[in-house]
Amino acid sequence: MESKDFKIVDKRRFSERGETKAEAEKAEKKEEKVEKPNAAPQSASLPPVDFSSFMLSLSTSALLHLGEIPHQETNKVERNLELARHTIDMLDMLKQKTKGNLTNEEAGLLDTILYDLKMRYVKLK
C-alpha cells in the first residue's frame, strides 16, 4: 500500500490552560522574561480569596434573587424567593459549621449579613 502524506493542523481556539492562543503566547513570553516561583496569578479587579469575600459573594447572590439588585447582564430585576431562601440557608449552615472557628470580624459580618437577608426575605414573603 502507498502511504499518503497528510498534515495535521490544530484549529482549536484555546490552549490546554483554557486561554486563547494569543493569550497563551503572551503568557509564555512573559514567563520567559520573568519567572516567579510559587506566584499565583491574580487579577487586580478580583477581591482576595478569603471567608469574608465568600460570604459577601453569597450575600450578593441572595440579594439578586430577592430582586434587590438588577441582574448584571440583563439589567433586569428578577425575583426568585426559593433561590434566595436556599442561599440564606447556605449562609446559616456556614454559620453553624464554622462556629468557634471564625475571627470576631468574620462572625460579626456573617451575623449582620444573615440578619439583613432574613429581614428582607420576611418583608417580601
C-alpha atoms as a PDB file:
ATOM      1  CA  MET A   1       0.000   0.000   0.000  1.00  0.00           C
ATOM      2  CA  GLU A   2       1.035   3.530  -0.634  1.00  0.00           C
ATOM      3  CA  SER A   3       1.185   5.902   2.299  1.00  0.00           C
ATOM      4  CA  LYS A   4      -0.403   9.254   1.740  1.00  0.00           C
ATOM      5  CA  ASP A   5       1.102  12.326   3.284  1.00  0.00           C
ATOM      6  CA  PHE A   6      -1.242  14.315   5.451  1.00  0.00           C
ATOM      7  CA  LYS A   7      -0.932  17.418   7.507  1.00  0.00           C
ATOM      8  CA  ILE A   8      -2.360  17.922  10.975  1.00  0.00           C
ATOM      9  CA  VAL A   9      -3.496  21.451  11.717  1.00  0.00           C
ATOM     10  CA  ASP A  10      -4.516  22.452  15.233  1.00  0.00           C
ATOM     11  CA  LYS A  11      -7.618  24.616  14.792  1.00  0.00           C
ATOM     12  CA  ARG A  12      -8.533  24.803  18.457  1.00  0.00           C
ATOM     13  CA  ARG A  13      -9.143  28.350  19.668  1.00  0.00           C
ATOM     14  CA  PHE A  14      -7.951  27.663  23.204  1.00  0.00           C
ATOM     15  CA  SER A  15      -4.786  26.309  24.753  1.00  0.00           C
ATOM     16  CA  GLU A  16      -4.650  23.460  27.263  1.00  0.00           C
ATOM     17  CA  ARG A  17      -4.993  26.009  30.098  1.00  0.00           C
ATOM     18  CA  GLY A  18      -8.194  27.471  28.605  1.00  0.00           C
ATOM     19  CA  GLU A  19      -6.644  30.668  27.248  1.00  0.00           C
ATOM     20  CA  THR A  20      -7.000  31.824  23.684  1.00  0.00           C
ATOM     21  CA  LYS A  21      -3.985  31.061  21.546  1.00  0.00           C
ATOM     22  CA  ALA A  22      -2.936  34.737  21.530  1.00  0.00           C
ATOM     23  CA  GLU A  23      -3.218  34.968  25.334  1.00  0.00           C
ATOM     24  CA  ALA A  24      -1.216  31.760  25.724  1.00  0.00           C
ATOM     25  CA  GLU A  25       1.569  33.102  23.524  1.00  0.00           C
ATOM     26  CA  LYS A  26       1.683  36.368  25.509  1.00  0.00           C
ATOM     27  CA  ALA A  27       1.755  34.455  28.788  1.00  0.00           C
ATOM     28  CA  GLU A  28       4.609  32.267  27.565  1.00  0.00           C
ATOM     29  CA  LYS A  29       6.620  35.336  26.575  1.00  0.00           C
ATOM     30  CA  LYS A  30       6.012  36.923  29.996  1.00  0.00           C
ATOM     31  CA  GLU A  31       7.024  33.701  31.747  1.00  0.00           C
ATOM     32  CA  GLU A  32      10.237  33.616  29.769  1.00  0.00           C
ATOM     33  CA  LYS A  33      11.085  37.182  30.792  1.00  0.00           C
ATOM     34  CA  VAL A  34      10.180  36.940  34.466  1.00  0.00           C
ATOM     35  CA  GLU A  35       9.872  33.690  36.350  1.00  0.00           C
ATOM     36  CA  LYS A  36       8.395  33.882  39.826  1.00  0.00           C
ATOM     37  CA  PRO A  37       8.269  30.572  41.669  1.00  0.00           C
ATOM     38  CA  ASN A  38       5.045  29.821  43.550  1.00  0.00           C
ATOM     39  CA  ALA A  39       3.382  33.040  42.354  1.00  0.00           C
ATOM     40  CA  ALA A  40      -0.354  32.649  41.868  1.00  0.00           C
ATOM     41  CA  PRO A  41      -1.812  34.743  39.049  1.00  0.00           C
ATOM     42  CA  GLN A  42      -4.452  37.172  40.281  1.00  0.00           C
ATOM     43  CA  SER A  43      -6.488  39.794  38.554  1.00  0.00           C
ATOM     44  CA  ALA A  44      -6.415  43.282  40.037  1.00  0.00           C
ATOM     45  CA  SER A  45     -10.221  43.516  39.788  1.00  0.00           C
ATOM     46  CA  LEU A  46     -10.973  40.423  41.898  1.00  0.00           C
ATOM     47  CA  PRO A  47     -11.134  40.532  45.691  1.00  0.00           C
ATOM     48  CA  PRO A  48      -8.811  38.338  47.717  1.00  0.00           C
ATOM     49  CA  VAL A  49      -9.929  34.772  48.316  1.00  0.00           C
ATOM     50  CA  ASP A  50     -10.988  34.667  51.952  1.00  0.00           C
ATOM     51  CA  PHE A  51     -14.019  33.731  54.024  1.00  0.00           C
ATOM     52  CA  SER A  52     -15.380  37.282  54.147  1.00  0.00           C
ATOM     53  CA  SER A  53     -15.375  37.695  50.378  1.00  0.00           C
ATOM     54  CA  PHE A  54     -17.054  34.288  50.051  1.00  0.00           C
ATOM     55  CA  MET A  55     -19.833  35.364  52.441  1.00  0.00           C
ATOM     56  CA  LEU A  56     -20.256  38.648  50.576  1.00  0.00           C
ATOM     57  CA  SER A  57     -20.493  36.753  47.293  1.00  0.00           C
ATOM     58  CA  LEU A  58     -23.282  34.572  48.684  1.00  0.00           C
ATOM     59  CA  SER A  59     -24.966  37.652  50.101  1.00  0.00           C
ATOM     60  CA  THR A  60     -24.898  39.343  46.702  1.00  0.00           C
ATOM     61  CA  SER A  61     -26.397  36.227  45.155  1.00  0.00           C
ATOM     62  CA  ALA A  62     -29.222  36.282  47.710  1.00  0.00           C
ATOM     63  CA  LEU A  63     -29.852  39.990  47.072  1.00  0.00           C
ATOM     64  CA  LEU A  64     -30.046  39.260  43.351  1.00  0.00           C
ATOM     65  CA  HIS A  65     -32.639  36.514  43.961  1.00  0.00           C
ATOM     66  CA  LEU A  66     -34.581  38.793  46.305  1.00  0.00           C
ATOM     67  CA  GLY A  67     -34.843  41.335  43.494  1.00  0.00           C
ATOM     68  CA  GLU A  68     -32.856  43.931  45.422  1.00  0.00           C
ATOM     69  CA  ILE A  69     -30.230  44.363  42.705  1.00  0.00           C
ATOM     70  CA  PRO A  70     -30.583  44.025  38.918  1.00  0.00           C
ATOM     71  CA  HIS A  71     -29.001  41.166  37.005  1.00  0.00           C
ATOM     72  CA  GLN A  72     -25.557  42.210  35.742  1.00  0.00           C
ATOM     73  CA  GLU A  73     -26.043  41.111  32.121  1.00  0.00           C
ATOM     74  CA  THR A  74     -29.724  41.867  31.512  1.00  0.00           C
ATOM     75  CA  ASN A  75     -30.016  44.839  33.898  1.00  0.00           C
ATOM     76  CA  LYS A  76     -33.459  43.471  34.860  1.00  0.00           C
ATOM     77  CA  VAL A  77     -34.695  42.883  38.377  1.00  0.00           C
ATOM     78  CA  GLU A  78     -35.809  39.285  38.790  1.00  0.00           C
ATOM     79  CA  ARG A  79     -37.184  37.758  41.970  1.00  0.00           C
ATOM     80  CA  ASN A  80     -36.861  34.091  42.917  1.00  0.00           C
ATOM     81  CA  LEU A  81     -37.665  33.654  46.597  1.00  0.00           C
ATOM     82  CA  GLU A  82     -36.916  29.937  46.555  1.00  0.00           C
ATOM     83  CA  LEU A  83     -33.325  30.531  45.416  1.00  0.00           C
ATOM     84  CA  ALA A  84     -32.999  33.428  47.856  1.00  0.00           C
ATOM     85  CA  ARG A  85     -34.122  31.189  50.732  1.00  0.00           C
ATOM     86  CA  HIS A  86     -31.690  28.479  49.608  1.00  0.00           C
ATOM     87  CA  THR A  87     -28.773  30.922  49.621  1.00  0.00           C
ATOM     88  CA  ILE A  88     -29.778  32.265  53.048  1.00  0.00           C
ATOM     89  CA  ASP A  89     -29.948  28.685  54.326  1.00  0.00           C
ATOM     90  CA  MET A  90     -26.430  28.051  52.972  1.00  0.00           C
ATOM     91  CA  LEU A  91     -25.128  31.060  54.881  1.00  0.00           C
ATOM     92  CA  ASP A  92     -26.919  29.862  58.010  1.00  0.00           C
ATOM     93  CA  MET A  93     -25.377  26.404  57.594  1.00  0.00           C
ATOM     94  CA  LEU A  94     -21.930  28.015  57.229  1.00  0.00           C
ATOM     95  CA  LYS A  95     -22.546  29.891  60.465  1.00  0.00           C
ATOM     96  CA  GLN A  96     -23.343  26.663  62.304  1.00  0.00           C
ATOM     97  CA  LYS A  97     -20.461  24.670  60.778  1.00  0.00           C
ATOM     98  CA  THR A  98     -17.835  27.356  61.393  1.00  0.00           C
ATOM     99  CA  LYS A  99     -18.935  28.252  64.933  1.00  0.00           C
ATOM    100  CA  GLY A 100     -15.841  28.835  67.053  1.00  0.00           C
ATOM    101  CA  ASN A 101     -13.514  28.907  64.032  1.00  0.00           C
ATOM    102  CA  LEU A 102     -14.137  32.458  62.797  1.00  0.00           C
ATOM    103  CA  THR A 103     -12.488  35.688  63.788  1.00  0.00           C
ATOM    104  CA  ASN A 104     -14.676  38.231  65.589  1.00  0.00           C
ATOM    105  CA  GLU A 105     -14.867  40.296  62.386  1.00  0.00           C
ATOM    106  CA  GLU A 106     -15.919  37.298  60.263  1.00  0.00           C
ATOM    107  CA  ALA A 107     -18.524  36.180  62.802  1.00  0.00           C
ATOM    108  CA  GLY A 108     -19.907  39.723  63.055  1.00  0.00           C
ATOM    109  CA  LEU A 109     -20.076  40.075  59.288  1.00  0.00           C
ATOM    110  CA  LEU A 110     -21.883  36.742  58.948  1.00  0.00           C
ATOM    111  CA  ASP A 111     -24.390  37.687  61.673  1.00  0.00           C
ATOM    112  CA  THR A 112     -25.052  41.059  60.020  1.00  0.00           C
ATOM    113  CA  ILE A 113     -25.468  39.531  56.570  1.00  0.00           C
ATOM    114  CA  LEU A 114     -27.855  36.851  57.845  1.00  0.00           C
ATOM    115  CA  TYR A 115     -29.956  39.332  59.815  1.00  0.00           C
ATOM    116  CA  ASP A 116     -30.244  41.691  56.854  1.00  0.00           C
ATOM    117  CA  LEU A 117     -31.100  38.956  54.345  1.00  0.00           C
ATOM    118  CA  LYS A 118     -33.652  37.307  56.632  1.00  0.00           C
ATOM    119  CA  MET A 119     -35.408  40.631  57.279  1.00  0.00           C
ATOM    120  CA  ARG A 120     -35.552  41.376  53.552  1.00  0.00           C
ATOM    121  CA  TYR A 121     -36.879  37.873  52.861  1.00  0.00           C
ATOM    122  CA  VAL A 122     -39.598  38.142  55.534  1.00  0.00           C
ATOM    123  CA  LYS A 123     -40.621  41.559  54.225  1.00  0.00           C
ATOM    124  CA  LEU A 124     -41.114  40.117  50.730  1.00  0.00           C
ATOM    125  CA  LYS A 125     -42.817  36.959  51.932  1.00  0.00           C
END
